Amino acid sequence: MSTSRRLRIALGLLFTATFLMWLCIGREIHRGAPPLSGRVAITSGQVLITHTGFETGALVVFWLMLDVWIASKTAATERTRGGVLPKYAMLARKRE
């Protein structure tokens, strides 16, 4: 076997082992995370946020991060079309 081929195989094995290691670490982090409650209320009983609110908030954060990433990859004129708010409004209507 040539040196080049051995190096490519070693690099492939290194990438595979690293990916599997990060996969296992991520699984342990996910398993150790506390569960989300069905609702958060104050002592008087008033509900501050429900599980659906948590999920909607996570979707908003996802869309904001995606929009920032897309904006960084496109020209300023392209950024003005679409935007975050129409996407969020669509998701909020689907969740209700």
C-alpha atoms as a PDB file:
ATOM      1  CA  MET A   1       0.000   0.000   0.000  1.00  0.00           C
ATOM      2  CA  SER A   2       1.264   3.460  -0.817  1.00  0.00           C
ATOM      3  CA  THR A   3       1.907   6.083   1.829  1.00  0.00           C
ATOM      4  CA  SER A   4      -0.800   8.324   0.383  1.00  0.00           C
ATOM      5  CA  ARG A   5      -3.413   5.581   0.622  1.00  0.00           C
ATOM      6  CA  ARG A   6      -2.453   4.739   4.221  1.00  0.00           C
ATOM      7  CA  LEU A   7      -2.713   8.402   5.193  1.00  0.00           C
ATOM      8  CA  ARG A   8      -6.152   8.700   3.615  1.00  0.00           C
ATOM      9  CA  ILE A   9      -7.343   5.588   5.451  1.00  0.00           C
ATOM     10  CA  ALA A  10      -5.906   6.871   8.735  1.00  0.00           C
ATOM     11  CA  LEU A  11      -7.585  10.251   8.219  1.00  0.00           C
ATOM     12  CA  GLY A  12     -10.912   8.577   7.441  1.00  0.00           C
ATOM     13  CA  LEU A  13     -10.648   6.443  10.577  1.00  0.00           C
ATOM     14  CA  LEU A  14      -9.758   9.508  12.635  1.00  0.00           C
ATOM     15  CA  PHE A  15     -12.789  11.427  11.312  1.00  0.00           C
ATOM     16  CA  THR A  16     -15.075   8.449  11.943  1.00  0.00           C
ATOM     17  CA  ALA A  17     -13.781   7.955  15.495  1.00  0.00           C
ATOM     18  CA  THR A  18     -14.092  11.679  16.252  1.00  0.00           C
ATOM     19  CA  PHE A  19     -17.639  11.799  14.900  1.00  0.00           C
ATOM     20  CA  LEU A  20     -18.648   8.779  17.000  1.00  0.00           C
ATOM     21  CA  MET A  21     -17.058  10.330  20.089  1.00  0.00           C
ATOM     22  CA  TRP A  22     -19.014  13.585  19.636  1.00  0.00           C
ATOM     23  CA  LEU A  23     -22.182  11.595  18.962  1.00  0.00           C
ATOM     24  CA  CYS A  24     -21.779   9.734  22.277  1.00  0.00           C
ATOM     25  CA  ILE A  25     -21.034  12.950  24.175  1.00  0.00           C
ATOM     26  CA  GLY A  26     -24.103  14.632  22.666  1.00  0.00           C
ATOM     27  CA  ARG A  27     -26.277  11.686  23.600  1.00  0.00           C
ATOM     28  CA  GLU A  28     -25.103  11.843  27.215  1.00  0.00           C
ATOM     29  CA  ILE A  29     -25.762  15.582  27.357  1.00  0.00           C
ATOM     30  CA  HIS A  30     -29.250  15.036  25.932  1.00  0.00           C
ATOM     31  CA  ARG A  31     -29.997  12.219  28.397  1.00  0.00           C
ATOM     32  CA  GLY A  32     -28.803  14.299  31.347  1.00  0.00           C
ATOM     33  CA  ALA A  33     -30.870  17.364  30.477  1.00  0.00           C
ATOM     34  CA  PRO A  34     -33.761  18.138  32.803  1.00  0.00           C
ATOM     35  CA  PRO A  35     -37.246  17.567  31.397  1.00  0.00           C
ATOM     36  CA  LEU A  36     -39.359  20.512  30.303  1.00  0.00           C
ATOM     37  CA  SER A  37     -42.392  20.983  32.499  1.00  0.00           C
ATOM     38  CA  GLY A  38     -45.886  21.201  31.066  1.00  0.00           C
ATOM     39  CA  ARG A  39     -46.271  24.712  32.453  1.00  0.00           C
ATOM     40  CA  VAL A  40     -44.487  27.261  34.621  1.00  0.00           C
ATOM     41  CA  ALA A  41     -46.662  29.034  37.185  1.00  0.00           C
ATOM     42  CA  ILE A  42     -46.076  31.486  40.017  1.00  0.00           C
ATOM     43  CA  THR A  43     -47.295  30.858  43.590  1.00  0.00           C
ATOM     44  CA  SER A  44     -50.677  32.484  42.941  1.00  0.00           C
ATOM     45  CA  GLY A  45     -51.326  29.915  40.215  1.00  0.00           C
ATOM     46  CA  GLN A  46     -51.002  32.245  37.238  1.00  0.00           C
ATOM     47  CA  VAL A  47     -49.421  30.371  34.321  1.00  0.00           C
ATOM     48  CA  LEU A  48     -46.392  32.168  32.867  1.00  0.00           C
ATOM     49  CA  ILE A  49     -45.546  29.799  30.005  1.00  0.00           C
ATOM     50  CA  THR A  50     -46.651  26.381  28.763  1.00  0.00           C
ATOM     51  CA  HIS A  51     -44.816  23.600  26.972  1.00  0.00           C
ATOM     52  CA  THR A  52     -46.175  24.912  23.647  1.00  0.00           C
ATOM     53  CA  GLY A  53     -44.630  28.283  24.486  1.00  0.00           C
ATOM     54  CA  PHE A  54     -41.263  26.617  25.026  1.00  0.00           C
ATOM     55  CA  GLU A  55     -41.528  24.852  21.653  1.00  0.00           C
ATOM     56  CA  THR A  56     -42.571  28.041  19.848  1.00  0.00           C
ATOM     57  CA  GLY A  57     -39.670  29.908  21.455  1.00  0.00           C
ATOM     58  CA  ALA A  58     -37.254  27.229  20.274  1.00  0.00           C
ATOM     59  CA  LEU A  59     -38.616  27.562  16.730  1.00  0.00           C
ATOM     60  CA  VAL A  60     -38.203  31.343  16.850  1.00  0.00           C
ATOM     61  CA  VAL A  61     -34.586  30.982  17.939  1.00  0.00           C
ATOM     62  CA  PHE A  62     -33.994  28.433  15.165  1.00  0.00           C
ATOM     63  CA  TRP A  63     -35.466  30.731  12.505  1.00  0.00           C
ATOM     64  CA  LEU A  64     -33.524  33.719  13.816  1.00  0.00           C
ATOM     65  CA  MET A  65     -30.258  31.793  13.680  1.00  0.00           C
ATOM     66  CA  LEU A  66     -31.080  30.477  10.203  1.00  0.00           C
ATOM     67  CA  ASP A  67     -31.975  33.946   8.979  1.00  0.00           C
ATOM     68  CA  VAL A  68     -28.706  35.362  10.338  1.00  0.00           C
ATOM     69  CA  TRP A  69     -26.760  32.583   8.621  1.00  0.00           C
ATOM     70  CA  ILE A  70     -28.569  33.139   5.317  1.00  0.00           C
ATOM     71  CA  ALA A  71     -28.069  36.898   5.612  1.00  0.00           C
ATOM     72  CA  SER A  72     -24.362  36.391   6.070  1.00  0.00           C
ATOM     73  CA  LYS A  73     -24.260  34.335   2.874  1.00  0.00           C
ATOM     74  CA  THR A  74     -26.347  36.577   0.648  1.00  0.00           C
ATOM     75  CA  ALA A  75     -26.198  40.149  -0.574  1.00  0.00           C
ATOM     76  CA  ALA A  76     -27.907  42.953   1.359  1.00  0.00           C
ATOM     77  CA  THR A  77     -30.632  43.302  -1.290  1.00  0.00           C
ATOM     78  CA  GLU A  78     -31.547  39.626  -0.973  1.00  0.00           C
ATOM     79  CA  ARG A  79     -31.807  39.928   2.820  1.00  0.00           C
ATOM     80  CA  THR A  80     -34.846  42.208   2.697  1.00  0.00           C
ATOM     81  CA  ARG A  81     -37.014  39.606   0.959  1.00  0.00           C
ATOM     82  CA  GLY A  82     -38.667  37.041   3.238  1.00  0.00           C
ATOM     83  CA  GLY A  83     -37.135  37.923   6.568  1.00  0.00           C
ATOM     84  CA  VAL A  84     -37.790  36.340   9.934  1.00  0.00           C
ATOM     85  CA  LEU A  85     -41.227  37.713  10.767  1.00  0.00           C
ATOM     86  CA  PRO A  86     -43.206  36.091   7.918  1.00  0.00           C
ATOM     87  CA  LYS A  87     -41.616  32.718   8.763  1.00  0.00           C
ATOM     88  CA  TYR A  88     -42.380  33.097  12.465  1.00  0.00           C
ATOM     89  CA  ALA A  89     -45.970  34.178  11.800  1.00  0.00           C
ATOM     90  CA  MET A  90     -46.473  31.087   9.637  1.00  0.00           C
ATOM     91  CA  LEU A  91     -45.073  28.810  12.354  1.00  0.00           C
ATOM     92  CA  ALA A  92     -47.112  30.466  15.099  1.00  0.00           C
ATOM     93  CA  ARG A  93     -50.336  29.914  13.115  1.00  0.00           C
ATOM     94  CA  LYS A  94     -49.498  26.225  12.598  1.00  0.00           C
ATOM     95  CA  ARG A  95     -48.804  25.685  16.318  1.00  0.00           C
ATOM     96  CA  GLU A  96     -52.132  27.174  17.490  1.00  0.00           C
END
